[in-house]
Amino acid sequence: MKKDLRETYRRVTGIKDPFYVDKEERRIKMANLKPCPFCGAEADLVEIRMTLSSLWDVTCTGDNCGVTPNVGATEDMQLAIDSWNMRAPQPMTMGE
């Protein structure tokens, strides 16, 4: 039954296996996360497993971060990473 559901999910979404994320791919993506914009702590890529798919979120790992930011769960791992890494443009200072 589960195998049939996964095959149907793959055909409909184009995702080969909703529960499989290559460990090397995940390690590389984790290495590309920027630190927390509020406290500077490392970020963590969190997988939330669902019945037919996974949701992804990026959160701050800092124990002393008063903000505890996250990007909100999304089915697209790369979107979660890109959302986390997005920063407001830095204002220009005199002489630049």
Protein backbone atom coordinates (compact mmCIF):
# COMPACT_ATOMS: atom_id res chain seq x y z
CA MET A 1 0.00 0.00 0.00
CA LYS A 2 2.71 2.53 0.99
CA LYS A 3 4.72 1.66 -2.11
CA ASP A 4 1.64 2.29 -4.30
CA LEU A 5 1.04 5.64 -2.61
CA ARG A 6 4.66 6.65 -3.14
CA GLU A 7 4.52 5.64 -6.80
CA THR A 8 1.33 7.65 -7.32
CA TYR A 9 2.90 10.62 -5.52
CA ARG A 10 6.00 10.37 -7.73
CA ARG A 11 3.91 10.31 -10.91
CA VAL A 12 1.76 13.27 -9.85
CA THR A 13 4.47 15.51 -8.38
CA GLY A 14 7.58 14.39 -10.26
CA ILE A 15 9.39 13.86 -6.93
CA LYS A 16 11.11 10.45 -7.00
CA ASP A 17 10.65 9.62 -3.32
CA PRO A 18 9.20 12.10 -0.86
CA PHE A 19 11.04 10.51 2.06
CA TYR A 20 14.45 10.23 0.45
CA VAL A 21 16.89 13.10 0.64
CA ASP A 22 20.44 12.26 -0.28
CA LYS A 23 22.56 12.70 2.86
CA GLU A 24 25.39 14.32 0.92
CA GLU A 25 22.95 16.76 -0.72
CA ARG A 26 21.53 17.67 2.69
CA ARG A 27 25.03 18.12 4.17
CA ILE A 28 25.98 20.48 1.33
CA LYS A 29 22.78 22.47 1.72
CA MET A 30 23.30 22.72 5.48
CA ALA A 31 26.80 24.09 4.87
CA ASN A 32 25.29 26.84 2.71
CA LEU A 33 22.99 28.15 5.44
CA LYS A 34 23.85 31.59 6.74
CA PRO A 35 24.03 32.09 10.51
CA CYS A 36 21.10 33.55 12.42
CA PRO A 37 20.72 37.24 11.50
CA PHE A 38 19.87 38.10 15.11
CA CYS A 39 22.35 36.20 17.27
CA GLY A 40 24.87 34.73 14.79
CA ALA A 41 24.28 31.10 15.85
CA GLU A 42 24.23 28.26 13.33
CA ALA A 43 21.01 27.45 11.52
CA ASP A 44 19.45 24.01 11.30
CA LEU A 45 17.58 22.50 8.35
CA VAL A 46 14.66 20.62 9.89
CA GLU A 47 12.70 17.91 8.09
CA ILE A 48 9.09 17.41 9.16
CA ARG A 49 7.93 14.04 7.83
CA MET A 50 4.33 13.72 6.71
CA THR A 51 2.43 10.76 5.26
CA LEU A 52 3.28 11.38 1.60
CA SER A 53 5.84 14.14 1.74
CA SER A 54 8.19 16.12 3.93
CA LEU A 55 8.08 19.74 4.97
CA TRP A 56 11.27 21.73 5.50
CA ASP A 57 12.01 24.56 7.88
CA VAL A 58 15.17 26.40 8.87
CA THR A 59 15.54 27.56 12.45
CA CYS A 60 18.12 29.18 14.71
CA THR A 61 19.98 26.81 17.04
CA GLY A 62 21.09 29.52 19.45
CA ASP A 63 20.09 28.93 23.08
CA ASN A 64 20.34 32.63 23.84
CA CYS A 65 18.59 33.93 20.72
CA GLY A 66 15.71 36.04 21.97
CA VAL A 67 13.95 35.93 18.60
CA THR A 68 14.08 32.21 17.64
CA PRO A 69 13.45 32.89 13.94
CA ASN A 70 12.31 30.33 11.38
CA VAL A 71 11.10 30.50 7.79
CA GLY A 72 7.90 28.47 8.15
CA ALA A 73 7.46 24.95 6.87
CA THR A 74 7.45 24.42 3.10
CA GLU A 75 7.53 21.34 0.85
CA ASP A 76 10.46 22.81 -1.09
CA MET A 77 13.78 22.36 0.73
CA GLN A 78 15.57 24.87 -1.49
CA LEU A 79 12.85 27.49 -0.91
CA ALA A 80 13.28 27.11 2.87
CA ILE A 81 17.06 27.57 2.49
CA ASP A 82 16.72 30.54 0.13
CA SER A 83 14.17 32.17 2.44
CA TRP A 84 16.49 31.77 5.43
CA ASN A 85 19.50 33.11 3.54
CA MET A 86 17.62 36.17 2.24
CA ARG A 87 18.78 39.31 4.01
CA ALA A 88 17.60 42.89 3.80
CA PRO A 89 19.91 45.02 1.67
CA GLN A 90 22.52 46.83 3.71
CA PRO A 91 22.16 50.62 3.61
CA MET A 92 24.89 52.46 1.78
CA THR A 93 27.16 54.64 3.87
CA MET A 94 28.88 57.87 2.87
CA GLY A 95 31.80 57.30 0.56
CA GLU A 96 30.51 54.13 -1.11
